[in-house]
Amino acid sequence: MPYKTDVNPNITPLCQNTDFRRIYHRGKFKATGPVVTYITKGRIGVRYGITASKKVGNSPARSRARRVITAAFREILKTSKFPSCDIVFVARPGIETKKSTEIEKILRRQFAEIFPQLYQR
């Protein structure tokens, strides 16, 4: 059973490759700078996944990219209400020098552009 985050018990990580592929092909997306965000309507709660390819860098750089995106997303979850949706974040080269506050601003802009009704300030 996947773990639940401490921010919201309805937030779970995506683990299956089929879920990632479904979101890539059917979801709406926004690419801004070092992060691409894909969103589709979900089943129950919010599920999210993060990918970082070798283009981002070596293993420590990819891990840092995932940690930075996770920290930024958790800050957004503290102040925003999300309906049921599936989200995939794709790290791009250049994210290794960014801080979580910068990524948080980028993600907020992306959420506002993809689904204005989904993201409420």
PDB file of N, CA and C in Angstrom:
ATOM      1  N   MET A   1       0.849  -1.184   0.000  1.00  0.00           N
ATOM      2  CA  MET A   1       0.000   0.000   0.000  1.00  0.00           C
ATOM      3  C   MET A   1       0.886   1.236   0.000  1.00  0.00           C
ATOM      4  N   PRO A   2       0.666   2.163  -0.934  1.00  0.00           N
ATOM      5  CA  PRO A   2       1.512   3.351  -0.976  1.00  0.00           C
ATOM      6  C   PRO A   2       1.278   4.221   0.255  1.00  0.00           C
ATOM      7  N   TYR A   3       2.322   4.921   0.611  1.00  0.00           N
ATOM      8  CA  TYR A   3       2.226   5.778   1.782  1.00  0.00           C
ATOM      9  C   TYR A   3       1.387   7.012   1.483  1.00  0.00           C
ATOM     10  N   LYS A   4       0.849   7.607   2.513  1.00  0.00           N
ATOM     11  CA  LYS A   4       0.092   8.851   2.379  1.00  0.00           C
ATOM     12  C   LYS A   4       0.977   9.978   2.892  1.00  0.00           C
ATOM     13  N   THR A   5       0.857  11.141   2.307  1.00  0.00           N
ATOM     14  CA  THR A   5       1.692  12.246   2.747  1.00  0.00           C
ATOM     15  C   THR A   5       1.159  12.820   4.045  1.00  0.00           C
ATOM     16  N   ASP A   6       2.025  13.511   4.750  1.00  0.00           N
ATOM     17  CA  ASP A   6       1.621  14.120   6.007  1.00  0.00           C
ATOM     18  C   ASP A   6       0.802  15.382   5.796  1.00  0.00           C
ATOM     19  N   VAL A   7       0.831  15.946   4.600  1.00  0.00           N
ATOM     20  CA  VAL A   7       0.086  17.168   4.316  1.00  0.00           C
ATOM     21  C   VAL A   7      -1.403  16.883   4.183  1.00  0.00           C
ATOM     22  N   ASN A   8      -1.734  15.866   3.423  1.00  0.00           N
ATOM     23  CA  ASN A   8      -3.121  15.536   3.149  1.00  0.00           C
ATOM     24  C   ASN A   8      -3.224  14.026   2.952  1.00  0.00           C
ATOM     25  N   PRO A   9      -4.113  13.361   3.675  1.00  0.00           N
ATOM     26  CA  PRO A   9      -4.194  11.907   3.532  1.00  0.00           C
ATOM     27  C   PRO A   9      -4.722  11.444   2.178  1.00  0.00           C
ATOM     28  N   ASN A  10      -5.280  12.342   1.372  1.00  0.00           N
ATOM     29  CA  ASN A  10      -5.800  11.961   0.058  1.00  0.00           C
ATOM     30  C   ASN A  10      -4.760  12.119  -1.045  1.00  0.00           C
ATOM     31  N   ILE A  11      -3.510  12.395  -0.683  1.00  0.00           N
ATOM     32  CA  ILE A  11      -2.443  12.554  -1.652  1.00  0.00           C
ATOM     33  C   ILE A  11      -1.602  11.284  -1.645  1.00  0.00           C
ATOM     34  N   THR A  12      -1.504  10.622  -2.790  1.00  0.00           N
ATOM     35  CA  THR A  12      -0.696   9.412  -2.888  1.00  0.00           C
ATOM     36  C   THR A  12       0.200   9.496  -4.120  1.00  0.00           C
ATOM     37  N   PRO A  13       1.343   8.819  -4.095  1.00  0.00           N
ATOM     38  CA  PRO A  13       2.226   8.840  -5.267  1.00  0.00           C
ATOM     39  C   PRO A  13       1.763   7.868  -6.345  1.00  0.00           C
ATOM     40  N   LEU A  14       2.074   8.188  -7.580  1.00  0.00           N
ATOM     41  CA  LEU A  14       1.842   7.279  -8.697  1.00  0.00           C
ATOM     42  C   LEU A  14       3.005   6.305  -8.763  1.00  0.00           C
ATOM     43  N   CYS A  15       2.717   5.040  -8.977  1.00  0.00           N
ATOM     44  CA  CYS A  15       3.775   4.028  -9.013  1.00  0.00           C
ATOM     45  C   CYS A  15       3.785   3.206 -10.298  1.00  0.00           C
ATOM     46  N   GLN A  16       2.667   3.123 -10.979  1.00  0.00           N
ATOM     47  CA  GLN A  16       2.552   2.241 -12.138  1.00  0.00           C
ATOM     48  C   GLN A  16       2.910   2.959 -13.438  1.00  0.00           C
ATOM     49  N   ASN A  17       3.666   2.275 -14.284  1.00  0.00           N
ATOM     50  CA  ASN A  17       4.041   2.825 -15.577  1.00  0.00           C
ATOM     51  C   ASN A  17       2.801   3.123 -16.428  1.00  0.00           C
ATOM     52  N   THR A  18       1.776   2.288 -16.310  1.00  0.00           N
ATOM     53  CA  THR A  18       0.559   2.514 -17.107  1.00  0.00           C
ATOM     54  C   THR A  18      -0.111   3.823 -16.730  1.00  0.00           C
ATOM     55  N   ASP A  19      -0.056   4.190 -15.448  1.00  0.00           N
ATOM     56  CA  ASP A  19      -0.631   5.470 -15.025  1.00  0.00           C
ATOM     57  C   ASP A  19       0.140   6.637 -15.634  1.00  0.00           C
ATOM     58  N   PHE A  20       1.461   6.555 -15.620  1.00  0.00           N
ATOM     59  CA  PHE A  20       2.277   7.617 -16.202  1.00  0.00           C
ATOM     60  C   PHE A  20       1.977   7.763 -17.691  1.00  0.00           C
ATOM     61  N   ARG A  21       1.920   6.639 -18.409  1.00  0.00           N
ATOM     62  CA  ARG A  21       1.656   6.706 -19.850  1.00  0.00           C
ATOM     63  C   ARG A  21       0.277   7.274 -20.142  1.00  0.00           C
ATOM     64  N   ARG A  22      -0.724   6.899 -19.337  1.00  0.00           N
ATOM     65  CA  ARG A  22      -2.078   7.424 -19.533  1.00  0.00           C
ATOM     66  C   ARG A  22      -2.095   8.941 -19.359  1.00  0.00           C
ATOM     67  N   ILE A  23      -1.408   9.428 -18.362  1.00  0.00           N
ATOM     68  CA  ILE A  23      -1.385  10.869 -18.103  1.00  0.00           C
ATOM     69  C   ILE A  23      -0.622  11.597 -19.207  1.00  0.00           C
ATOM     70  N   TYR A  24       0.481  11.027 -19.684  1.00  0.00           N
ATOM     71  CA  TYR A  24       1.228  11.657 -20.779  1.00  0.00           C
ATOM     72  C   TYR A  24       0.376  11.799 -22.033  1.00  0.00           C
ATOM     73  N   HIS A  25      -0.425  10.783 -22.341  1.00  0.00           N
ATOM     74  CA  HIS A  25      -1.178  10.786 -23.600  1.00  0.00           C
ATOM     75  C   HIS A  25      -2.520  11.499 -23.501  1.00  0.00           C
ATOM     76  N   ARG A  26      -3.167  11.468 -22.355  1.00  0.00           N
ATOM     77  CA  ARG A  26      -4.508  12.043 -22.239  1.00  0.00           C
ATOM     78  C   ARG A  26      -4.550  13.352 -21.473  1.00  0.00           C
ATOM     79  N   GLY A  27      -3.466  13.694 -20.797  1.00  0.00           N
ATOM     80  CA  GLY A  27      -3.496  14.867 -19.922  1.00  0.00           C
ATOM     81  C   GLY A  27      -3.203  16.165 -20.633  1.00  0.00           C
ATOM     82  N   LYS A  28      -3.588  17.240 -19.983  1.00  0.00           N
ATOM     83  CA  LYS A  28      -3.196  18.561 -20.433  1.00  0.00           C
ATOM     84  C   LYS A  28      -1.823  18.832 -19.842  1.00  0.00           C
ATOM     85  N   PHE A  29      -1.011  19.601 -20.559  1.00  0.00           N
ATOM     86  CA  PHE A  29       0.324  19.846 -20.042  1.00  0.00           C
ATOM     87  C   PHE A  29       0.736  21.291 -20.247  1.00  0.00           C
ATOM     88  N   LYS A  30       1.700  21.690 -19.446  1.00  0.00           N
ATOM     89  CA  LYS A  30       2.295  23.013 -19.560  1.00  0.00           C
ATOM     90  C   LYS A  30       3.783  22.863 -19.303  1.00  0.00           C
ATOM     91  N   ALA A  31       4.597  23.334 -20.221  1.00  0.00           N
ATOM     92  CA  ALA A  31       6.048  23.274 -20.076  1.00  0.00           C
ATOM     93  C   ALA A  31       6.580  24.681 -19.858  1.00  0.00           C
ATOM     94  N   THR A  32       7.165  24.912 -18.711  1.00  0.00           N
ATOM     95  CA  THR A  32       7.739  26.209 -18.383  1.00  0.00           C
ATOM     96  C   THR A  32       9.094  25.981 -17.735  1.00  0.00           C
ATOM     97  N   GLY A  33      10.141  26.404 -18.396  1.00  0.00           N
ATOM     98  CA  GLY A  33      11.474  26.303 -17.816  1.00  0.00           C
ATOM     99  C   GLY A  33      11.868  24.881 -17.466  1.00  0.00           C
ATOM    100  N   PRO A  34      12.239  24.652 -16.202  1.00  0.00           N
ATOM    101  CA  PRO A  34      12.800  23.360 -15.823  1.00  0.00           C
ATOM    102  C   PRO A  34      11.780  22.285 -15.448  1.00  0.00           C
ATOM    103  N   VAL A  35      10.481  22.560 -15.575  1.00  0.00           N
ATOM    104  CA  VAL A  35       9.466  21.582 -15.172  1.00  0.00           C
ATOM    105  C   VAL A  35       8.354  21.521 -16.209  1.00  0.00           C
ATOM    106  N   VAL A  36       7.930  20.299 -16.523  1.00  0.00           N
ATOM    107  CA  VAL A  36       6.736  20.086 -17.341  1.00  0.00           C
ATOM    108  C   VAL A  36       5.704  19.439 -16.434  1.00  0.00           C
ATOM    109  N   THR A  37       4.464  19.933 -16.465  1.00  0.00           N
ATOM    110  CA  THR A  37       3.398  19.405 -15.624  1.00  0.00           C
ATOM    111  C   THR A  37       2.291  18.843 -16.507  1.00  0.00           C
ATOM    112  N   TYR A  38       1.904  17.599 -16.243  1.00  0.00           N
ATOM    113  CA  TYR A  38       0.788  16.944 -16.910  1.00  0.00           C
ATOM    114  C   TYR A  38      -0.305  16.712 -15.877  1.00  0.00           C
ATOM    115  N   ILE A  39      -1.565  17.023 -16.238  1.00  0.00           N
ATOM    116  CA  ILE A  39      -2.687  16.830 -15.315  1.00  0.00           C
ATOM    117  C   ILE A  39      -3.848  16.181 -16.050  1.00  0.00           C
ATOM    118  N   THR A  40      -4.460  15.189 -15.417  1.00  0.00           N
ATOM    119  CA  THR A  40      -5.717  14.615 -15.892  1.00  0.00           C
ATOM    120  C   THR A  40      -6.663  14.496 -14.717  1.00  0.00           C
ATOM    121  N   LYS A  41      -7.929  14.344 -15.026  1.00  0.00           N
ATOM    122  CA  LYS A  41      -8.899  14.098 -13.966  1.00  0.00           C
ATOM    123  C   LYS A  41      -8.620  12.724 -13.381  1.00  0.00           C
ATOM    124  N   GLY A  42      -8.703  12.633 -12.065  1.00  0.00           N
ATOM    125  CA  GLY A  42      -8.371  11.388 -11.391  1.00  0.00           C
ATOM    126  C   GLY A  42      -9.594  10.670 -10.872  1.00  0.00           C
ATOM    127  N   ARG A  43      -9.311   9.600 -10.153  1.00  0.00           N
ATOM    128  CA  ARG A  43     -10.382   8.780  -9.605  1.00  0.00           C
ATOM    129  C   ARG A  43     -10.716   9.198  -8.182  1.00  0.00           C
ATOM    130  N   ILE A  44      -9.761   8.989  -7.293  1.00  0.00           N
ATOM    131  CA  ILE A  44      -9.987   9.308  -5.886  1.00  0.00           C
ATOM    132  C   ILE A  44      -8.781  10.076  -5.372  1.00  0.00           C
ATOM    133  N   GLY A  45      -8.995  11.271  -4.886  1.00  0.00           N
ATOM    134  CA  GLY A  45      -7.906  12.051  -4.322  1.00  0.00           C
ATOM    135  C   GLY A  45      -6.924  12.538  -5.370  1.00  0.00           C
ATOM    136  N   VAL A  46      -5.801  13.036  -4.897  1.00  0.00           N
ATOM    137  CA  VAL A  46      -4.745  13.536  -5.768  1.00  0.00           C
ATOM    138  C   VAL A  46      -3.613  12.517  -5.771  1.00  0.00           C
ATOM    139  N   ARG A  47      -3.203  12.115  -6.975  1.00  0.00           N
ATOM    140  CA  ARG A  47      -2.059  11.229  -7.119  1.00  0.00           C
ATOM    141  C   ARG A  47      -1.016  11.956  -7.949  1.00  0.00           C
ATOM    142  N   TYR A  48       0.243  11.840  -7.553  1.00  0.00           N
ATOM    143  CA  TYR A  48       1.284  12.542  -8.286  1.00  0.00           C
ATOM    144  C   TYR A  48       2.491  11.647  -8.502  1.00  0.00           C
ATOM    145  N   GLY A  49       3.244  11.965  -9.554  1.00  0.00           N
ATOM    146  CA  GLY A  49       4.473  11.249  -9.850  1.00  0.00           C
ATOM    147  C   GLY A  49       5.497  12.225 -10.389  1.00  0.00           C
ATOM    148  N   ILE A  50       6.757  11.890 -10.199  1.00  0.00           N
ATOM    149  CA  ILE A  50       7.843  12.757 -10.647  1.00  0.00           C
ATOM    150  C   ILE A  50       8.830  11.907 -11.439  1.00  0.00           C
ATOM    151  N   THR A  51       9.228  12.405 -12.606  1.00  0.00           N
ATOM    152  CA  THR A  51      10.245  11.726 -13.392  1.00  0.00           C
ATOM    153  C   THR A  51      11.396  12.680 -13.677  1.00  0.00           C
ATOM    154  N   ALA A  52      12.587  12.114 -13.712  1.00  0.00           N
ATOM    155  CA  ALA A  52      13.787  12.879 -14.046  1.00  0.00           C
ATOM    156  C   ALA A  52      14.686  11.966 -14.869  1.00  0.00           C
ATOM    157  N   SER A  53      14.917  12.316 -16.114  1.00  0.00           N
ATOM    158  CA  SER A  53      15.730  11.466 -16.985  1.00  0.00           C
ATOM    159  C   SER A  53      17.215  11.746 -16.767  1.00  0.00           C
ATOM    160  N   LYS A  54      18.042  10.986 -17.452  1.00  0.00           N
ATOM    161  CA  LYS A  54      19.484  11.177 -17.329  1.00  0.00           C
ATOM    162  C   LYS A  54      19.947  12.501 -17.929  1.00  0.00           C
ATOM    163  N   LYS A  55      19.099  13.139 -18.707  1.00  0.00           N
ATOM    164  CA  LYS A  55      19.447  14.452 -19.243  1.00  0.00           C
ATOM    165  C   LYS A  55      19.579  15.488 -18.139  1.00  0.00           C
ATOM    166  N   VAL A  56      18.891  15.260 -17.014  1.00  0.00           N
ATOM    167  CA  VAL A  56      18.963  16.185 -15.882  1.00  0.00           C
ATOM    168  C   VAL A  56      20.343  16.141 -15.249  1.00  0.00           C
ATOM    169  N   GLY A  57      20.958  14.966 -15.213  1.00  0.00           N
ATOM    170  CA  GLY A  57      22.289  14.837 -14.622  1.00  0.00           C
ATOM    171  C   GLY A  57      22.484  13.450 -14.046  1.00  0.00           C
ATOM    172  N   ASN A  58      23.486  13.342 -13.181  1.00  0.00           N
ATOM    173  CA  ASN A  58      23.758  12.049 -12.563  1.00  0.00           C
ATOM    174  C   ASN A  58      22.741  11.764 -11.455  1.00  0.00           C
ATOM    175  N   SER A  59      22.903  10.647 -10.787  1.00  0.00           N
ATOM    176  CA  SER A  59      21.914  10.203  -9.812  1.00  0.00           C
ATOM    177  C   SER A  59      21.651  11.220  -8.697  1.00  0.00           C
ATOM    178  N   PRO A  60      22.674  11.828  -8.083  1.00  0.00           N
ATOM    179  CA  PRO A  60      22.386  12.835  -7.060  1.00  0.00           C
ATOM    180  C   PRO A  60      21.624  14.043  -7.600  1.00  0.00           C
ATOM    181  N   ALA A  61      21.898  14.445  -8.833  1.00  0.00           N
ATOM    182  CA  ALA A  61      21.188  15.583  -9.426  1.00  0.00           C
ATOM    183  C   ALA A  61      19.723  15.237  -9.670  1.00  0.00           C
ATOM    184  N   ARG A  62      19.456  14.015 -10.143  1.00  0.00           N
ATOM    185  CA  ARG A  62      18.072  13.600 -10.377  1.00  0.00           C
ATOM    186  C   ARG A  62      17.311  13.483  -9.055  1.00  0.00           C
ATOM    187  N   SER A  63      17.965  12.963  -8.024  1.00  0.00           N
ATOM    188  CA  SER A  63      17.327  12.857  -6.710  1.00  0.00           C
ATOM    189  C   SER A  63      17.017  14.237  -6.147  1.00  0.00           C
ATOM    190  N   ARG A  64      17.943  15.170  -6.306  1.00  0.00           N
ATOM    191  CA  ARG A  64      17.707  16.528  -5.830  1.00  0.00           C
ATOM    192  C   ARG A  64      16.548  17.170  -6.582  1.00  0.00           C
ATOM    193  N   ALA A  65      16.479  16.928  -7.878  1.00  0.00           N
ATOM    194  CA  ALA A  65      15.373  17.468  -8.676  1.00  0.00           C
ATOM    195  C   ALA A  65      14.037  16.950  -8.153  1.00  0.00           C
ATOM    196  N   ARG A  66      13.962  15.669  -7.842  1.00  0.00           N
ATOM    197  CA  ARG A  66      12.719  15.095  -7.314  1.00  0.00           C
ATOM    198  C   ARG A  66      12.391  15.681  -5.944  1.00  0.00           C
ATOM    199  N   ARG A  67      13.404  15.856  -5.096  1.00  0.00           N
ATOM    200  CA  ARG A  67      13.167  16.440  -3.763  1.00  0.00           C
ATOM    201  C   ARG A  67      12.675  17.874  -3.862  1.00  0.00           C
ATOM    202  N   VAL A  68      13.257  18.650  -4.773  1.00  0.00           N
ATOM    203  CA  VAL A  68      12.863  20.055  -4.941  1.00  0.00           C
ATOM    204  C   VAL A  68      11.427  20.145  -5.435  1.00  0.00           C
ATOM    205  N   ILE A  69      11.056  19.327  -6.402  1.00  0.00           N
ATOM    206  CA  ILE A  69       9.683  19.338  -6.913  1.00  0.00           C
ATOM    207  C   ILE A  69       8.708  18.895  -5.832  1.00  0.00           C
ATOM    208  N   THR A  70       9.066  17.872  -5.071  1.00  0.00           N
ATOM    209  CA  THR A  70       8.196  17.405  -3.991  1.00  0.00           C
ATOM    210  C   THR A  70       7.989  18.490  -2.948  1.00  0.00           C
ATOM    211  N   ALA A  71       9.051  19.173  -2.554  1.00  0.00           N
ATOM    212  CA  ALA A  71       8.936  20.244  -1.557  1.00  0.00           C
ATOM    213  C   ALA A  71       8.053  21.377  -2.064  1.00  0.00           C
ATOM    214  N   ALA A  72       8.228  21.749  -3.318  1.00  0.00           N
ATOM    215  CA  ALA A  72       7.411  22.820  -3.890  1.00  0.00           C
ATOM    216  C   ALA A  72       5.944  22.410  -3.959  1.00  0.00           C
ATOM    217  N   PHE A  73       5.682  21.171  -4.368  1.00  0.00           N
ATOM    218  CA  PHE A  73       4.307  20.697  -4.477  1.00  0.00           C
ATOM    219  C   PHE A  73       3.636  20.633  -3.103  1.00  0.00           C
ATOM    220  N   ARG A  74       4.365  20.216  -2.089  1.00  0.00           N
ATOM    221  CA  ARG A  74       3.796  20.163  -0.736  1.00  0.00           C
ATOM    222  C   ARG A  74       3.424  21.548  -0.226  1.00  0.00           C
ATOM    223  N   GLU A  75       4.227  22.552  -0.552  1.00  0.00           N
ATOM    224  CA  GLU A  75       3.891  23.924  -0.152  1.00  0.00           C
ATOM    225  C   GLU A  75       2.616  24.392  -0.853  1.00  0.00           C
ATOM    226  N   ILE A  76       2.458  24.017  -2.114  1.00  0.00           N
ATOM    227  CA  ILE A  76       1.245  24.388  -2.844  1.00  0.00           C
ATOM    228  C   ILE A  76       0.031  23.686  -2.238  1.00  0.00           C
ATOM    229  N   LEU A  77       0.202  22.438  -1.840  1.00  0.00           N
ATOM    230  CA  LEU A  77      -0.917  21.688  -1.256  1.00  0.00           C
ATOM    231  C   LEU A  77      -1.395  22.300   0.058  1.00  0.00           C
ATOM    232  N   LYS A  78      -0.501  22.950   0.775  1.00  0.00           N
ATOM    233  CA  LYS A  78      -0.880  23.557   2.055  1.00  0.00           C
ATOM    234  C   LYS A  78      -1.853  24.713   1.869  1.00  0.00           C
ATOM    235  N   THR A  79      -1.788  25.386   0.717  1.00  0.00           N
ATOM    236  CA  THR A  79      -2.605  26.581   0.517  1.00  0.00           C
ATOM    237  C   THR A  79      -3.668  26.433  -0.563  1.00  0.00           C
ATOM    238  N   SER A  80      -3.665  25.329  -1.297  1.00  0.00           N
ATOM    239  CA  SER A  80      -4.593  25.172  -2.414  1.00  0.00           C
ATOM    240  C   SER A  80      -5.471  23.948  -2.221  1.00  0.00           C
ATOM    241  N   LYS A  81      -6.647  23.998  -2.843  1.00  0.00           N
ATOM    242  CA  LYS A  81      -7.575  22.869  -2.807  1.00  0.00           C
ATOM    243  C   LYS A  81      -7.623  22.248  -4.198  1.00  0.00           C
ATOM    244  N   PHE A  82      -7.328  20.969  -4.259  1.00  0.00           N
ATOM    245  CA  PHE A  82      -7.336  20.251  -5.520  1.00  0.00           C
ATOM    246  C   PHE A  82      -8.465  19.239  -5.520  1.00  0.00           C
ATOM    247  N   PRO A  83      -9.231  19.163  -6.605  1.00  0.00           N
ATOM    248  CA  PRO A  83     -10.178  18.053  -6.742  1.00  0.00           C
ATOM    249  C   PRO A  83      -9.404  16.796  -7.124  1.00  0.00           C
ATOM    250  N   SER A  84     -10.085  15.711  -7.327  1.00  0.00           N
ATOM    251  CA  SER A  84      -9.422  14.470  -7.720  1.00  0.00           C
ATOM    252  C   SER A  84      -8.710  14.662  -9.049  1.00  0.00           C
ATOM    253  N   CYS A  85      -7.401  14.434  -9.061  1.00  0.00           N
ATOM    254  CA  CYS A  85      -6.638  14.562 -10.291  1.00  0.00           C
ATOM    255  C   CYS A  85      -5.353  13.758 -10.177  1.00  0.00           C
ATOM    256  N   ASP A  86      -4.792  13.434 -11.331  1.00  0.00           N
ATOM    257  CA  ASP A  86      -3.503  12.765 -11.413  1.00  0.00           C
ATOM    258  C   ASP A  86      -2.522  13.749 -12.022  1.00  0.00           C
ATOM    259  N   ILE A  87      -1.360  13.885 -11.407  1.00  0.00           N
ATOM    260  CA  ILE A  87      -0.372  14.873 -11.837  1.00  0.00           C
ATOM    261  C   ILE A  87       0.969  14.173 -12.025  1.00  0.00           C
ATOM    262  N   VAL A  88       1.645  14.507 -13.118  1.00  0.00           N
ATOM    263  CA  VAL A  88       3.011  14.035 -13.342  1.00  0.00           C
ATOM    264  C   VAL A  88       3.878  15.263 -13.595  1.00  0.00           C
ATOM    265  N   PHE A  89       4.976  15.341 -12.847  1.00  0.00           N
ATOM    266  CA  PHE A  89       5.966  16.397 -13.038  1.00  0.00           C
ATOM    267  C   PHE A  89       7.175  15.777 -13.714  1.00  0.00           C
ATOM    268  N   VAL A  90       7.669  16.432 -14.757  1.00  0.00           N
ATOM    269  CA  VAL A  90       8.852  15.968 -15.462  1.00  0.00           C
ATOM    270  C   VAL A  90       9.947  17.012 -15.272  1.00  0.00           C
ATOM    271  N   ALA A  91      11.052  16.594 -14.657  1.00  0.00           N
ATOM    272  CA  ALA A  91      12.188  17.495 -14.458  1.00  0.00           C
ATOM    273  C   ALA A  91      12.964  17.613 -15.763  1.00  0.00           C
ATOM    274  N   ARG A  92      13.393  18.833 -16.062  1.00  0.00           N
ATOM    275  CA  ARG A  92      14.170  19.075 -17.269  1.00  0.00           C
ATOM    276  C   ARG A  92      15.541  19.600 -16.886  1.00  0.00           C
ATOM    277  N   PRO A  93      16.487  19.561 -17.817  1.00  0.00           N
ATOM    278  CA  PRO A  93      17.812  20.112 -17.508  1.00  0.00           C
ATOM    279  C   PRO A  93      17.702  21.576 -17.083  1.00  0.00           C
ATOM    280  N   GLY A  94      18.465  21.945 -16.086  1.00  0.00           N
ATOM    281  CA  GLY A  94      18.419  23.297 -15.549  1.00  0.00           C
ATOM    282  C   GLY A  94      17.773  23.348 -14.184  1.00  0.00           C
ATOM    283  N   ILE A  95      17.077  22.294 -13.799  1.00  0.00           N
ATOM    284  CA  ILE A  95      16.403  22.286 -12.505  1.00  0.00           C
ATOM    285  C   ILE A  95      17.399  22.089 -11.365  1.00  0.00           C
ATOM    286  N   GLU A  96      18.571  21.547 -11.665  1.00  0.00           N
ATOM    287  CA  GLU A  96      19.528  21.238 -10.603  1.00  0.00           C
ATOM    288  C   GLU A  96      20.055  22.488  -9.901  1.00  0.00           C
ATOM    289  N   THR A  97      19.915  23.655 -10.516  1.00  0.00           N
ATOM    290  CA  THR A  97      20.383  24.889  -9.876  1.00  0.00           C
ATOM    291  C   THR A  97      19.252  25.681  -9.226  1.00  0.00           C
ATOM    292  N   LYS A  98      18.015  25.228  -9.363  1.00  0.00           N
ATOM    293  CA  LYS A  98      16.862  25.959  -8.831  1.00  0.00           C
ATOM    294  C   LYS A  98      16.576  25.570  -7.390  1.00  0.00           C
ATOM    295  N   LYS A  99      15.949  26.481  -6.683  1.00  0.00           N
ATOM    296  CA  LYS A  99      15.500  26.209  -5.317  1.00  0.00           C
ATOM    297  C   LYS A  99      14.011  25.893  -5.338  1.00  0.00           C
ATOM    298  N   SER A 100      13.526  25.300  -4.245  1.00  0.00           N
ATOM    299  CA  SER A 100      12.126  24.878  -4.207  1.00  0.00           C
ATOM    300  C   SER A 100      11.173  26.067  -4.284  1.00  0.00           C
ATOM    301  N   THR A 101      11.582  27.230  -3.786  1.00  0.00           N
ATOM    302  CA  THR A 101      10.705  28.409  -3.867  1.00  0.00           C
ATOM    303  C   THR A 101      10.531  28.871  -5.312  1.00  0.00           C
ATOM    304  N   GLU A 102      11.583  28.760  -6.107  1.00  0.00           N
ATOM    305  CA  GLU A 102      11.477  29.117  -7.518  1.00  0.00           C
ATOM    306  C   GLU A 102      10.584  28.123  -8.257  1.00  0.00           C
ATOM    307  N   ILE A 103      10.757  26.851  -7.953  1.00  0.00           N
ATOM    308  CA  ILE A 103       9.936  25.817  -8.588  1.00  0.00           C
ATOM    309  C   ILE A 103       8.484  25.968  -8.152  1.00  0.00           C
ATOM    310  N   GLU A 104       8.251  26.361  -6.906  1.00  0.00           N
ATOM    311  CA  GLU A 104       6.882  26.569  -6.425  1.00  0.00           C
ATOM    312  C   GLU A 104       6.179  27.651  -7.239  1.00  0.00           C
ATOM    313  N   LYS A 105       6.866  28.750  -7.518  1.00  0.00           N
ATOM    314  CA  LYS A 105       6.273  29.822  -8.332  1.00  0.00           C
ATOM    315  C   LYS A 105       5.944  29.327  -9.736  1.00  0.00           C
ATOM    316  N   ILE A 106       6.855  28.548 -10.313  1.00  0.00           N
ATOM    317  CA  ILE A 106       6.621  27.999 -11.653  1.00  0.00           C
ATOM    318  C   ILE A 106       5.417  27.070 -11.644  1.00  0.00           C
ATOM    319  N   LEU A 107       5.333  26.190 -10.641  1.00  0.00           N
ATOM    320  CA  LEU A 107       4.217  25.246 -10.577  1.00  0.00           C
ATOM    321  C   LEU A 107       2.888  25.968 -10.367  1.00  0.00           C
ATOM    322  N   ARG A 108       2.873  27.000  -9.536  1.00  0.00           N
ATOM    323  CA  ARG A 108       1.630  27.753  -9.331  1.00  0.00           C
ATOM    324  C   ARG A 108       1.144  28.371 -10.644  1.00  0.00           C
ATOM    325  N   ARG A 109       2.083  28.924 -11.421  1.00  0.00           N
ATOM    326  CA  ARG A 109       1.708  29.496 -12.718  1.00  0.00           C
ATOM    327  C   ARG A 109       1.187  28.416 -13.660  1.00  0.00           C
ATOM    328  N   GLN A 110       1.826  27.270 -13.658  1.00  0.00           N
ATOM    329  CA  GLN A 110       1.388  26.180 -14.530  1.00  0.00           C
ATOM    330  C   GLN A 110       0.000  25.686 -14.150  1.00  0.00           C
ATOM    331  N   PHE A 111      -0.249  25.505 -12.859  1.00  0.00           N
ATOM    332  CA  PHE A 111      -1.580  25.062 -12.425  1.00  0.00           C
ATOM    333  C   PHE A 111      -2.641  26.085 -12.812  1.00  0.00           C
ATOM    334  N   ALA A 112      -2.339  27.358 -12.662  1.00  0.00           N
ATOM    335  CA  ALA A 112      -3.299  28.398 -13.001  1.00  0.00           C
ATOM    336  C   ALA A 112      -3.610  28.404 -14.504  1.00  0.00           C
ATOM    337  N   GLU A 113      -2.627  28.079 -15.336  1.00  0.00           N
ATOM    338  CA  GLU A 113      -2.838  28.087 -16.781  1.00  0.00           C
ATOM    339  C   GLU A 113      -3.503  26.811 -17.293  1.00  0.00           C
ATOM    340  N   ILE A 114      -3.174  25.673 -16.704  1.00  0.00           N
ATOM    341  CA  ILE A 114      -3.744  24.414 -17.185  1.00  0.00           C
ATOM    342  C   ILE A 114      -5.225  24.329 -16.843  1.00  0.00           C
ATOM    343  N   PHE A 115      -5.532  24.472 -15.573  1.00  0.00           N
ATOM    344  CA  PHE A 115      -6.915  24.407 -15.115  1.00  0.00           C
ATOM    345  C   PHE A 115      -7.177  25.566 -14.161  1.00  0.00           C
ATOM    346  N   PRO A 116      -7.691  26.673 -14.655  1.00  0.00           N
ATOM    347  CA  PRO A 116      -7.949  27.795 -13.754  1.00  0.00           C
ATOM    348  C   PRO A 116      -8.918  27.434 -12.630  1.00  0.00           C
ATOM    349  N   GLN A 117      -9.906  26.570 -12.910  1.00  0.00           N
ATOM    350  CA  GLN A 117     -10.851  26.195 -11.882  1.00  0.00           C
ATOM    351  C   GLN A 117     -10.245  25.220 -10.886  1.00  0.00           C
ATOM    352  N   LEU A 118      -9.171  24.521 -11.286  1.00  0.00           N
ATOM    353  CA  LEU A 118      -8.535  23.546 -10.399  1.00  0.00           C
ATOM    354  C   LEU A 118      -7.713  24.244  -9.334  1.00  0.00           C
ATOM    355  N   TYR A 119      -7.042  25.304  -9.707  1.00  0.00           N
ATOM    356  CA  TYR A 119      -6.145  25.996  -8.795  1.00  0.00           C
ATOM    357  C   TYR A 119      -6.839  27.236  -8.248  1.00  0.00           C
ATOM    358  N   GLN A 120      -7.067  27.244  -6.974  1.00  0.00           N
ATOM    359  CA  GLN A 120      -7.719  28.384  -6.326  1.00  0.00           C
ATOM    360  C   GLN A 120      -6.745  29.025  -5.374  1.00  0.00           C
ATOM    361  N   ARG A 121      -6.541  30.324  -5.535  1.00  0.00           N
ATOM    362  CA  ARG A 121      -5.616  31.028  -4.640  1.00  0.00           C
ATOM    363  C   ARG A 121      -6.298  31.391  -3.354  1.00  0.00           C
TER     364      ARG A 121
END
